[in-house]
Structures are given as structure tokens and as C-alpha cells.
Amino acid sequence: MPIAEMNWNILWSSTGGGTLEMNIGAQKAVGQVSLGQADGEGLCNSGIRGFRTRPNPAGPENVTDFGDNFYNWPNTVFDEHLTSVTFALALGSRQEGTAVCNIFRWS
């Protein structure tokens, strides 16, 4: 099964971290994040803060939230009916970083 499309974006912060939400129509997809760059002293972590799915086109979205603790953030999520991924970056003080955020869609 080949990858049909890809969406990507860069999440940047120098103020303790942040999030970036990317939305797509419900489909078989993978959300994946990787640390792109880190500068300064202390912590720098990237991950997926949460994601949403819509198994039934006429139904509500199902929300998965991994919480504030960045040790619980996975770097990859997959679902047959993925609709949204919230990517996150956690930084220590005097830290700057970027995360590369990808959604790969299968045909």
C-alpha cells in the first residue's frame, strides 16, 4: 500500500514549547514527529500531544490526549480514520528548538 500524500510543517519555539495542530479528512494515515534542531541548555523534546479520529463519517470525532507530561508523548500515531494530529515541543529555560511534523496518507 503506497503513500498517496504527505503534509508537513515545522514547529518552532523559544518560549518553553508549543503545539501545532494539523487537520485532514478522515483517512488511513500516520502522524510522525522528529526533533529538527535544539539550541541552548536543558531539556528539548518533541512528540505527539494528541490525535483525533472519525470512524463513522456521520459520527463524532474520538479524541486521544496524551496529557501534559512529555514522557507520555509518542513520536508516531496511526489510525484507519485519522482526522487530526497535535504535535508538541517541550523546552527548558533558555532553550530553542524545532520539530518536523509529518502526516503520511495511504491510498
PDB file of N, CA and C in Angstrom:
ATOM      1  N   MET A   1       0.854  -1.173   0.000  1.00  0.00           N
ATOM      2  CA  MET A   1       0.000   0.000   0.000  1.00  0.00           C
ATOM      3  C   MET A   1       0.907   1.246   0.000  1.00  0.00           C
ATOM      4  N   PRO A   2       0.892   2.024  -1.082  1.00  0.00           N
ATOM      5  CA  PRO A   2       1.788   3.178  -1.196  1.00  0.00           C
ATOM      6  C   PRO A   2       1.264   4.415  -0.463  1.00  0.00           C
ATOM      7  N   ILE A   3       2.210   5.286  -0.114  1.00  0.00           N
ATOM      8  CA  ILE A   3       1.851   6.590   0.437  1.00  0.00           C
ATOM      9  C   ILE A   3       1.294   7.432  -0.704  1.00  0.00           C
ATOM     10  N   ALA A   4       0.108   7.989  -0.521  1.00  0.00           N
ATOM     11  CA  ALA A   4      -0.547   8.774  -1.569  1.00  0.00           C
ATOM     12  C   ALA A   4      -0.234  10.263  -1.452  1.00  0.00           C
ATOM     13  N   GLU A   5      -0.151  10.765  -0.217  1.00  0.00           N
ATOM     14  CA  GLU A   5       0.103  12.187   0.008  1.00  0.00           C
ATOM     15  C   GLU A   5       0.852  12.374   1.315  1.00  0.00           C
ATOM     16  N   MET A   6       1.450  13.540   1.437  1.00  0.00           N
ATOM     17  CA  MET A   6       2.167  13.889   2.667  1.00  0.00           C
ATOM     18  C   MET A   6       1.929  15.356   2.979  1.00  0.00           C
ATOM     19  N   ASN A   7       1.691  15.662   4.247  1.00  0.00           N
ATOM     20  CA  ASN A   7       1.622  17.040   4.729  1.00  0.00           C
ATOM     21  C   ASN A   7       2.734  17.204   5.750  1.00  0.00           C
ATOM     22  N   TRP A   8       3.387  18.345   5.760  1.00  0.00           N
ATOM     23  CA  TRP A   8       4.423  18.578   6.756  1.00  0.00           C
ATOM     24  C   TRP A   8       4.437  20.042   7.158  1.00  0.00           C
ATOM     25  N   ASN A   9       5.032  20.281   8.308  1.00  0.00           N
ATOM     26  CA  ASN A   9       5.168  21.637   8.818  1.00  0.00           C
ATOM     27  C   ASN A   9       6.294  21.636   9.844  1.00  0.00           C
ATOM     28  N   ILE A  10       6.764  22.816  10.186  1.00  0.00           N
ATOM     29  CA  ILE A  10       7.801  22.980  11.201  1.00  0.00           C
ATOM     30  C   ILE A  10       7.181  23.666  12.408  1.00  0.00           C
ATOM     31  N   LEU A  11       7.420  23.133  13.592  1.00  0.00           N
ATOM     32  CA  LEU A  11       7.022  23.750  14.855  1.00  0.00           C
ATOM     33  C   LEU A  11       8.282  24.324  15.486  1.00  0.00           C
ATOM     34  N   TRP A  12       8.294  25.628  15.767  1.00  0.00           N
ATOM     35  CA  TRP A  12       9.449  26.304  16.351  1.00  0.00           C
ATOM     36  C   TRP A  12       9.028  26.999  17.629  1.00  0.00           C
ATOM     37  N   SER A  13       9.913  26.987  18.614  1.00  0.00           N
ATOM     38  CA  SER A  13       9.643  27.733  19.838  1.00  0.00           C
ATOM     39  C   SER A  13      10.947  28.103  20.520  1.00  0.00           C
ATOM     40  N   SER A  14      10.897  29.218  21.244  1.00  0.00           N
ATOM     41  CA  SER A  14      12.000  29.622  22.132  1.00  0.00           C
ATOM     42  C   SER A  14      11.426  30.065  23.477  1.00  0.00           C
ATOM     43  N   THR A  15      10.185  29.683  23.738  1.00  0.00           N
ATOM     44  CA  THR A  15       9.495  30.156  24.948  1.00  0.00           C
ATOM     45  C   THR A  15       8.938  29.008  25.789  1.00  0.00           C
ATOM     46  N   GLY A  16       9.648  27.903  25.882  1.00  0.00           N
ATOM     47  CA  GLY A  16       9.183  26.812  26.724  1.00  0.00           C
ATOM     48  C   GLY A  16       8.445  25.716  25.991  1.00  0.00           C
ATOM     49  N   GLY A  17       8.132  25.915  24.722  1.00  0.00           N
ATOM     50  CA  GLY A  17       7.462  24.878  23.931  1.00  0.00           C
ATOM     51  C   GLY A  17       6.227  25.399  23.257  1.00  0.00           C
ATOM     52  N   GLY A  18       5.478  24.488  22.675  1.00  0.00           N
ATOM     53  CA  GLY A  18       4.257  24.865  21.978  1.00  0.00           C
ATOM     54  C   GLY A  18       3.656  23.665  21.281  1.00  0.00           C
ATOM     55  N   THR A  19       2.534  23.903  20.608  1.00  0.00           N
ATOM     56  CA  THR A  19       1.855  22.840  19.870  1.00  0.00           C
ATOM     57  C   THR A  19       1.490  23.325  18.474  1.00  0.00           C
ATOM     58  N   LEU A  20       1.279  22.370  17.591  1.00  0.00           N
ATOM     59  CA  LEU A  20       0.841  22.634  16.225  1.00  0.00           C
ATOM     60  C   LEU A  20      -0.174  21.564  15.866  1.00  0.00           C
ATOM     61  N   GLU A  21      -1.373  21.984  15.477  1.00  0.00           N
ATOM     62  CA  GLU A  21      -2.425  21.042  15.085  1.00  0.00           C
ATOM     63  C   GLU A  21      -2.531  21.010  13.568  1.00  0.00           C
ATOM     64  N   MET A  22      -2.513  19.794  13.006  1.00  0.00           N
ATOM     65  CA  MET A  22      -2.706  19.609  11.571  1.00  0.00           C
ATOM     66  C   MET A  22      -3.950  18.748  11.376  1.00  0.00           C
ATOM     67  N   ASN A  23      -4.874  19.207  10.524  1.00  0.00           N
ATOM     68  CA  ASN A  23      -6.151  18.529  10.293  1.00  0.00           C
ATOM     69  C   ASN A  23      -6.229  18.013   8.862  1.00  0.00           C
ATOM     70  N   ILE A  24      -6.850  16.836   8.702  1.00  0.00           N
ATOM     71  CA  ILE A  24      -7.060  16.236   7.386  1.00  0.00           C
ATOM     72  C   ILE A  24      -8.451  15.602   7.362  1.00  0.00           C
ATOM     73  N   GLY A  25      -8.936  15.264   6.182  1.00  0.00           N
ATOM     74  CA  GLY A  25     -10.159  14.476   6.082  1.00  0.00           C
ATOM     75  C   GLY A  25      -9.888  13.064   6.586  1.00  0.00           C
ATOM     76  N   ALA A  26     -10.868  12.422   7.185  1.00  0.00           N
ATOM     77  CA  ALA A  26     -10.686  11.097   7.779  1.00  0.00           C
ATOM     78  C   ALA A  26     -10.152  10.107   6.748  1.00  0.00           C
ATOM     79  N   GLN A  27      -9.009   9.501   7.077  1.00  0.00           N
ATOM     80  CA  GLN A  27      -8.399   8.512   6.191  1.00  0.00           C
ATOM     81  C   GLN A  27      -7.291   7.758   6.894  1.00  0.00           C
ATOM     82  N   LYS A  28      -6.817   6.693   6.251  1.00  0.00           N
ATOM     83  CA  LYS A  28      -5.724   5.894   6.789  1.00  0.00           C
ATOM     84  C   LYS A  28      -4.447   6.729   6.713  1.00  0.00           C
ATOM     85  N   ALA A  29      -3.869   7.035   7.885  1.00  0.00           N
ATOM     86  CA  ALA A  29      -2.716   7.932   7.906  1.00  0.00           C
ATOM     87  C   ALA A  29      -1.867   7.702   9.148  1.00  0.00           C
ATOM     88  N   VAL A  30      -0.637   8.187   9.068  1.00  0.00           N
ATOM     89  CA  VAL A  30       0.317   8.158  10.172  1.00  0.00           C
ATOM     90  C   VAL A  30       0.753   9.583  10.458  1.00  0.00           C
ATOM     91  N   GLY A  31       0.754   9.966  11.730  1.00  0.00           N
ATOM     92  CA  GLY A  31       1.352  11.219  12.166  1.00  0.00           C
ATOM     93  C   GLY A  31       2.693  10.899  12.788  1.00  0.00           C
ATOM     94  N   GLN A  32       3.722  11.653  12.421  1.00  0.00           N
ATOM     95  CA  GLN A  32       5.061  11.378  12.940  1.00  0.00           C
ATOM     96  C   GLN A  32       5.796  12.691  13.164  1.00  0.00           C
ATOM     97  N   VAL A  33       6.525  12.770  14.279  1.00  0.00           N
ATOM     98  CA  VAL A  33       7.286  13.971  14.613  1.00  0.00           C
ATOM     99  C   VAL A  33       8.723  13.583  14.935  1.00  0.00           C
ATOM    100  N   SER A  34       9.646  14.480  14.591  1.00  0.00           N
ATOM    101  CA  SER A  34      11.041  14.284  14.964  1.00  0.00           C
ATOM    102  C   SER A  34      11.642  15.635  15.346  1.00  0.00           C
ATOM    103  N   LEU A  35      12.596  15.588  16.249  1.00  0.00           N
ATOM    104  CA  LEU A  35      13.285  16.802  16.675  1.00  0.00           C
ATOM    105  C   LEU A  35      14.158  17.277  15.528  1.00  0.00           C
ATOM    106  N   GLY A  36      13.956  18.524  15.126  1.00  0.00           N
ATOM    107  CA  GLY A  36      14.692  19.056  13.993  1.00  0.00           C
ATOM    108  C   GLY A  36      15.966  19.780  14.394  1.00  0.00           C
ATOM    109  N   GLN A  37      15.899  20.538  15.487  1.00  0.00           N
ATOM    110  CA  GLN A  37      17.036  21.363  15.897  1.00  0.00           C
ATOM    111  C   GLN A  37      16.857  21.704  17.363  1.00  0.00           C
ATOM    112  N   ALA A  38      17.955  21.775  18.103  1.00  0.00           N
ATOM    113  CA  ALA A  38      17.916  22.188  19.508  1.00  0.00           C
ATOM    114  C   ALA A  38      19.121  23.069  19.788  1.00  0.00           C
ATOM    115  N   ASP A  39      18.901  24.124  20.550  1.00  0.00           N
ATOM    116  CA  ASP A  39      19.984  25.047  20.876  1.00  0.00           C
ATOM    117  C   ASP A  39      19.791  25.543  22.301  1.00  0.00           C
ATOM    118  N   GLY A  40      20.856  25.656  23.042  1.00  0.00           N
ATOM    119  CA  GLY A  40      20.784  26.141  24.418  1.00  0.00           C
ATOM    120  C   GLY A  40      21.069  25.019  25.394  1.00  0.00           C
ATOM    121  N   GLU A  41      20.726  25.270  26.634  1.00  0.00           N
ATOM    122  CA  GLU A  41      20.995  24.280  27.676  1.00  0.00           C
ATOM    123  C   GLU A  41      19.690  23.732  28.217  1.00  0.00           C
ATOM    124  N   GLY A  42      19.683  22.466  28.551  1.00  0.00           N
ATOM    125  CA  GLY A  42      18.497  21.893  29.167  1.00  0.00           C
ATOM    126  C   GLY A  42      17.689  21.027  28.232  1.00  0.00           C
ATOM    127  N   LEU A  43      16.477  20.787  28.665  1.00  0.00           N
ATOM    128  CA  LEU A  43      15.558  19.863  28.015  1.00  0.00           C
ATOM    129  C   LEU A  43      15.125  20.321  26.632  1.00  0.00           C
ATOM    130  N   CYS A  44      14.982  19.371  25.725  1.00  0.00           N
ATOM    131  CA  CYS A  44      14.349  19.622  24.430  1.00  0.00           C
ATOM    132  C   CYS A  44      13.729  18.305  23.976  1.00  0.00           C
ATOM    133  N   ASN A  45      12.399  18.277  23.851  1.00  0.00           N
ATOM    134  CA  ASN A  45      11.689  17.057  23.499  1.00  0.00           C
ATOM    135  C   ASN A  45      10.565  17.372  22.532  1.00  0.00           C
ATOM    136  N   SER A  46      10.349  16.482  21.569  1.00  0.00           N
ATOM    137  CA  SER A  46       9.211  16.612  20.662  1.00  0.00           C
ATOM    138  C   SER A  46       8.372  15.344  20.764  1.00  0.00           C
ATOM    139  N   GLY A  47       7.089  15.475  20.453  1.00  0.00           N
ATOM    140  CA  GLY A  47       6.202  14.323  20.500  1.00  0.00           C
ATOM    141  C   GLY A  47       4.822  14.683  19.981  1.00  0.00           C
ATOM    142  N   ILE A  48       3.922  13.723  20.063  1.00  0.00           N
ATOM    143  CA  ILE A  48       2.529  13.937  19.666  1.00  0.00           C
ATOM    144  C   ILE A  48       1.698  14.072  20.932  1.00  0.00           C
ATOM    145  N   ARG A  49       1.095  15.231  21.119  1.00  0.00           N
ATOM    146  CA  ARG A  49       0.315  15.558  22.320  1.00  0.00           C
ATOM    147  C   ARG A  49      -1.047  14.870  22.286  1.00  0.00           C
ATOM    148  N   GLY A  50      -1.588  14.677  21.058  1.00  0.00           N
ATOM    149  CA  GLY A  50      -2.883  14.031  20.924  1.00  0.00           C
ATOM    150  C   GLY A  50      -3.266  13.872  19.465  1.00  0.00           C
ATOM    151  N   PHE A  51      -4.356  13.154  19.246  1.00  0.00           N
ATOM    152  CA  PHE A  51      -4.867  13.000  17.882  1.00  0.00           C
ATOM    153  C   PHE A  51      -6.361  12.726  17.936  1.00  0.00           C
ATOM    154  N   ARG A  52      -7.022  12.902  16.775  1.00  0.00           N
ATOM    155  CA  ARG A  52      -8.462  12.645  16.666  1.00  0.00           C
ATOM    156  C   ARG A  52      -8.728  11.706  15.496  1.00  0.00           C
ATOM    157  N   THR A  53      -9.796  10.929  15.628  1.00  0.00           N
ATOM    158  CA  THR A  53     -10.237  10.033  14.566  1.00  0.00           C
ATOM    159  C   THR A  53     -11.746  10.172  14.377  1.00  0.00           C
ATOM    160  N   ARG A  54     -12.227   9.753  13.207  1.00  0.00           N
ATOM    161  CA  ARG A  54     -13.671   9.750  12.938  1.00  0.00           C
ATOM    162  C   ARG A  54     -14.009   8.441  12.208  1.00  0.00           C
ATOM    163  N   PRO A  55     -14.241   7.352  12.984  1.00  0.00           N
ATOM    164  CA  PRO A  55     -14.536   6.061  12.363  1.00  0.00           C
ATOM    165  C   PRO A  55     -15.837   6.046  11.567  1.00  0.00           C
ATOM    166  N   ASN A  56     -16.818   6.814  12.009  1.00  0.00           N
ATOM    167  CA  ASN A  56     -18.112   6.894  11.328  1.00  0.00           C
ATOM    168  C   ASN A  56     -18.234   8.288  10.717  1.00  0.00           C
ATOM    169  N   PRO A  57     -18.337   8.394   9.379  1.00  0.00           N
ATOM    170  CA  PRO A  57     -18.403   9.717   8.747  1.00  0.00           C
ATOM    171  C   PRO A  57     -19.518  10.609   9.286  1.00  0.00           C
ATOM    172  N   ALA A  58     -20.612  10.031   9.767  1.00  0.00           N
ATOM    173  CA  ALA A  58     -21.718  10.827  10.311  1.00  0.00           C
ATOM    174  C   ALA A  58     -21.621  10.992  11.826  1.00  0.00           C
ATOM    175  N   GLY A  59     -20.608  10.397  12.434  1.00  0.00           N
ATOM    176  CA  GLY A  59     -20.500  10.417  13.890  1.00  0.00           C
ATOM    177  C   GLY A  59     -19.503  11.447  14.396  1.00  0.00           C
ATOM    178  N   PRO A  60     -19.353  11.506  15.710  1.00  0.00           N
ATOM    179  CA  PRO A  60     -18.414  12.454  16.322  1.00  0.00           C
ATOM    180  C   PRO A  60     -16.970  11.965  16.210  1.00  0.00           C
ATOM    181  N   GLU A  61     -16.052  12.876  16.437  1.00  0.00           N
ATOM    182  CA  GLU A  61     -14.642  12.506  16.474  1.00  0.00           C
ATOM    183  C   GLU A  61     -14.304  11.861  17.819  1.00  0.00           C
ATOM    184  N   ASN A  62     -13.369  10.931  17.794  1.00  0.00           N
ATOM    185  CA  ASN A  62     -12.826  10.338  19.009  1.00  0.00           C
ATOM    186  C   ASN A  62     -11.512  11.036  19.309  1.00  0.00           C
ATOM    187  N   VAL A  63     -11.344  11.491  20.549  1.00  0.00           N
ATOM    188  CA  VAL A  63     -10.170  12.257  20.939  1.00  0.00           C
ATOM    189  C   VAL A  63      -9.254  11.402  21.806  1.00  0.00           C
ATOM    190  N   THR A  64      -7.963  11.400  21.475  1.00  0.00           N
ATOM    191  CA  THR A  64      -6.935  10.796  22.317  1.00  0.00           C
ATOM    192  C   THR A  64      -5.990  11.907  22.732  1.00  0.00           C
ATOM    193  N   ASP A  65      -5.827  12.114  24.045  1.00  0.00           N
ATOM    194  CA  ASP A  65      -4.969  13.157  24.587  1.00  0.00           C
ATOM    195  C   ASP A  65      -3.939  12.491  25.488  1.00  0.00           C
ATOM    196  N   PHE A  66      -2.656  12.651  25.175  1.00  0.00           N
ATOM    197  CA  PHE A  66      -1.592  12.031  25.955  1.00  0.00           C
ATOM    198  C   PHE A  66      -1.184  12.869  27.164  1.00  0.00           C
ATOM    199  N   GLY A  67      -1.788  14.036  27.342  1.00  0.00           N
ATOM    200  CA  GLY A  67      -1.553  14.839  28.533  1.00  0.00           C
ATOM    201  C   GLY A  67      -0.339  15.757  28.435  1.00  0.00           C
ATOM    202  N   ASP A  68      -0.103  16.467  29.544  1.00  0.00           N
ATOM    203  CA  ASP A  68       0.973  17.455  29.606  1.00  0.00           C
ATOM    204  C   ASP A  68       2.358  16.844  29.779  1.00  0.00           C
ATOM    205  N   ASN A  69       2.443  15.626  30.307  1.00  0.00           N
ATOM    206  CA  ASN A  69       3.735  15.007  30.593  1.00  0.00           C
ATOM    207  C   ASN A  69       4.379  14.528  29.296  1.00  0.00           C
ATOM    208  N   PHE A  70       5.453  15.203  28.877  1.00  0.00           N
ATOM    209  CA  PHE A  70       6.068  14.886  27.583  1.00  0.00           C
ATOM    210  C   PHE A  70       6.679  13.494  27.534  1.00  0.00           C
ATOM    211  N   TYR A  71       6.886  12.855  28.680  1.00  0.00           N
ATOM    212  CA  TYR A  71       7.377  11.476  28.666  1.00  0.00           C
ATOM    213  C   TYR A  71       6.308  10.517  28.137  1.00  0.00           C
ATOM    214  N   ASN A  72       5.054  10.949  28.115  1.00  0.00           N
ATOM    215  CA  ASN A  72       3.955  10.126  27.587  1.00  0.00           C
ATOM    216  C   ASN A  72       3.675  10.364  26.108  1.00  0.00           C
ATOM    217  N   TRP A  73       4.352  11.326  25.492  1.00  0.00           N
ATOM    218  CA  TRP A  73       4.091  11.663  24.094  1.00  0.00           C
ATOM    219  C   TRP A  73       4.790  10.666  23.160  1.00  0.00           C
ATOM    220  N   PRO A  74       4.041   9.951  22.329  1.00  0.00           N
ATOM    221  CA  PRO A  74       4.693   9.098  21.331  1.00  0.00           C
ATOM    222  C   PRO A  74       5.228   9.952  20.183  1.00  0.00           C
ATOM    223  N   ASN A  75       6.097   9.386  19.377  1.00  0.00           N
ATOM    224  CA  ASN A  75       6.569  10.139  18.206  1.00  0.00           C
ATOM    225  C   ASN A  75       5.809   9.743  16.938  1.00  0.00           C
ATOM    226  N   THR A  76       4.979   8.678  17.026  1.00  0.00           N
ATOM    227  CA  THR A  76       4.221   8.206  15.868  1.00  0.00           C
ATOM    228  C   THR A  76       2.843   7.721  16.305  1.00  0.00           C
ATOM    229  N   VAL A  77       1.804   8.064  15.538  1.00  0.00           N
ATOM    230  CA  VAL A  77       0.461   7.505  15.744  1.00  0.00           C
ATOM    231  C   VAL A  77      -0.086   7.074  14.385  1.00  0.00           C
ATOM    232  N   PHE A  78      -0.922   6.031  14.392  1.00  0.00           N
ATOM    233  CA  PHE A  78      -1.546   5.531  13.171  1.00  0.00           C
ATOM    234  C   PHE A  78      -3.008   5.244  13.455  1.00  0.00           C
ATOM    235  N   ASP A  79      -3.859   5.541  12.478  1.00  0.00           N
ATOM    236  CA  ASP A  79      -5.260   5.150  12.574  1.00  0.00           C
ATOM    237  C   ASP A  79      -5.845   5.050  11.176  1.00  0.00           C
ATOM    238  N   GLU A  80      -6.814   4.160  11.030  1.00  0.00           N
ATOM    239  CA  GLU A  80      -7.508   3.973   9.750  1.00  0.00           C
ATOM    240  C   GLU A  80      -8.375   5.177   9.386  1.00  0.00           C
ATOM    241  N   HIS A  81      -8.729   6.003  10.395  1.00  0.00           N
ATOM    242  CA  HIS A  81      -9.653   7.131  10.186  1.00  0.00           C
ATOM    243  C   HIS A  81      -9.123   8.404  10.851  1.00  0.00           C
ATOM    244  N   LEU A  82      -7.830   8.664  10.717  1.00  0.00           N
ATOM    245  CA  LEU A  82      -7.184   9.819  11.352  1.00  0.00           C
ATOM    246  C   LEU A  82      -7.728  11.124  10.781  1.00  0.00           C
ATOM    247  N   THR A  83      -8.023  12.098  11.657  1.00  0.00           N
ATOM    248  CA  THR A  83      -8.505  13.412  11.198  1.00  0.00           C
ATOM    249  C   THR A  83      -7.638  14.576  11.681  1.00  0.00           C
ATOM    250  N   SER A  84      -6.865  14.374  12.750  1.00  0.00           N
ATOM    251  CA  SER A  84      -6.088  15.482  13.298  1.00  0.00           C
ATOM    252  C   SER A  84      -4.952  14.948  14.156  1.00  0.00           C
ATOM    253  N   VAL A  85      -3.812  15.644  14.122  1.00  0.00           N
ATOM    254  CA  VAL A  85      -2.684  15.333  14.995  1.00  0.00           C
ATOM    255  C   VAL A  85      -2.216  16.633  15.620  1.00  0.00           C
ATOM    256  N   THR A  86      -2.012  16.620  16.926  1.00  0.00           N
ATOM    257  CA  THR A  86      -1.442  17.775  17.628  1.00  0.00           C
ATOM    258  C   THR A  86      -0.010  17.436  18.010  1.00  0.00           C
ATOM    259  N   PHE A  87       0.917  18.099  17.351  1.00  0.00           N
ATOM    260  CA  PHE A  87       2.344  17.912  17.593  1.00  0.00           C
ATOM    261  C   PHE A  87       2.787  18.874  18.695  1.00  0.00           C
ATOM    262  N   ALA A  88       3.817  18.488  19.451  1.00  0.00           N
ATOM    263  CA  ALA A  88       4.232  19.325  20.580  1.00  0.00           C
ATOM    264  C   ALA A  88       5.755  19.371  20.707  1.00  0.00           C
ATOM    265  N   LEU A  89       6.209  20.461  21.298  1.00  0.00           N
ATOM    266  CA  LEU A  89       7.620  20.684  21.578  1.00  0.00           C
ATOM    267  C   LEU A  89       7.722  21.148  23.024  1.00  0.00           C
ATOM    268  N   ALA A  90       8.580  20.497  23.814  1.00  0.00           N
ATOM    269  CA  ALA A  90       8.801  20.882  25.211  1.00  0.00           C
ATOM    270  C   ALA A  90      10.256  21.318  25.349  1.00  0.00           C
ATOM    271  N   LEU A  91      10.452  22.502  25.927  1.00  0.00           N
ATOM    272  CA  LEU A  91      11.792  23.070  26.044  1.00  0.00           C
ATOM    273  C   LEU A  91      12.081  23.517  27.469  1.00  0.00           C
ATOM    274  N   GLY A  92      13.347  23.451  27.854  1.00  0.00           N
ATOM    275  CA  GLY A  92      13.774  24.016  29.124  1.00  0.00           C
ATOM    276  C   GLY A  92      14.004  25.510  28.975  1.00  0.00           C
ATOM    277  N   SER A  93      14.386  26.150  30.070  1.00  0.00           N
ATOM    278  CA  SER A  93      14.652  27.587  30.012  1.00  0.00           C
ATOM    279  C   SER A  93      15.890  27.849  29.151  1.00  0.00           C
ATOM    280  N   ARG A  94      15.898  28.980  28.496  1.00  0.00           N
ATOM    281  CA  ARG A  94      16.979  29.382  27.592  1.00  0.00           C
ATOM    282  C   ARG A  94      17.245  28.326  26.518  1.00  0.00           C
ATOM    283  N   GLN A  95      16.180  27.735  26.034  1.00  0.00           N
ATOM    284  CA  GLN A  95      16.263  26.673  25.030  1.00  0.00           C
ATOM    285  C   GLN A  95      15.451  27.083  23.807  1.00  0.00           C
ATOM    286  N   GLU A  96      15.925  26.714  22.639  1.00  0.00           N
ATOM    287  CA  GLU A  96      15.211  26.951  21.388  1.00  0.00           C
ATOM    288  C   GLU A  96      15.220  25.648  20.604  1.00  0.00           C
ATOM    289  N   GLY A  97      14.121  25.349  19.920  1.00  0.00           N
ATOM    290  CA  GLY A  97      14.084  24.106  19.165  1.00  0.00           C
ATOM    291  C   GLY A  97      13.044  24.103  18.077  1.00  0.00           C
ATOM    292  N   THR A  98      13.190  23.141  17.174  1.00  0.00           N
ATOM    293  CA  THR A  98      12.203  22.921  16.129  1.00  0.00           C
ATOM    294  C   THR A  98      11.843  21.438  16.094  1.00  0.00           C
ATOM    295  N   ALA A  99      10.634  21.170  15.630  1.00  0.00           N
ATOM    296  CA  ALA A  99      10.174  19.799  15.404  1.00  0.00           C
ATOM    297  C   ALA A  99       9.649  19.727  13.978  1.00  0.00           C
ATOM    298  N   VAL A 100       9.971  18.635  13.290  1.00  0.00           N
ATOM    299  CA  VAL A 100       9.468  18.385  11.941  1.00  0.00           C
ATOM    300  C   VAL A 100       8.208  17.515  12.094  1.00  0.00           C
ATOM    301  N   CYS A 101       7.079  18.028  11.622  1.00  0.00           N
ATOM    302  CA  CYS A 101       5.773  17.378  11.824  1.00  0.00           C
ATOM    303  C   CYS A 101       5.250  16.852  10.485  1.00  0.00           C
ATOM    304  N   ASN A 102       4.986  15.552  10.416  1.00  0.00           N
ATOM    305  CA  ASN A 102       4.558  14.922   9.167  1.00  0.00           C
ATOM    306  C   ASN A 102       3.253  14.149   9.353  1.00  0.00           C
ATOM    307  N   ILE A 103       2.408  14.181   8.330  1.00  0.00           N
ATOM    308  CA  ILE A 103       1.278  13.272   8.217  1.00  0.00           C
ATOM    309  C   ILE A 103       1.408  12.581   6.863  1.00  0.00           C
ATOM    310  N   PHE A 104       1.501  11.246   6.894  1.00  0.00           N
ATOM    311  CA  PHE A 104       1.605  10.436   5.674  1.00  0.00           C
ATOM    312  C   PHE A 104       0.249   9.762   5.463  1.00  0.00           C
ATOM    313  N   ARG A 105      -0.319   9.939   4.262  1.00  0.00           N
ATOM    314  CA  ARG A 105      -1.636   9.359   3.938  1.00  0.00           C
ATOM    315  C   ARG A 105      -1.471   8.218   2.946  1.00  0.00           C
ATOM    316  N   TRP A 106      -2.161   7.101   3.247  1.00  0.00           N
ATOM    317  CA  TRP A 106      -2.103   5.948   2.372  1.00  0.00           C
ATOM    318  C   TRP A 106      -3.285   5.931   1.425  1.00  0.00           C
ATOM    319  N   SER A 107      -3.076   5.344   0.252  1.00  0.00           N
ATOM    320  CA  SER A 107      -4.169   5.242  -0.720  1.00  0.00           C
ATOM    321  C   SER A 107      -4.998   4.000  -0.443  1.00  0.00           C
TER     322      SER A 107
END
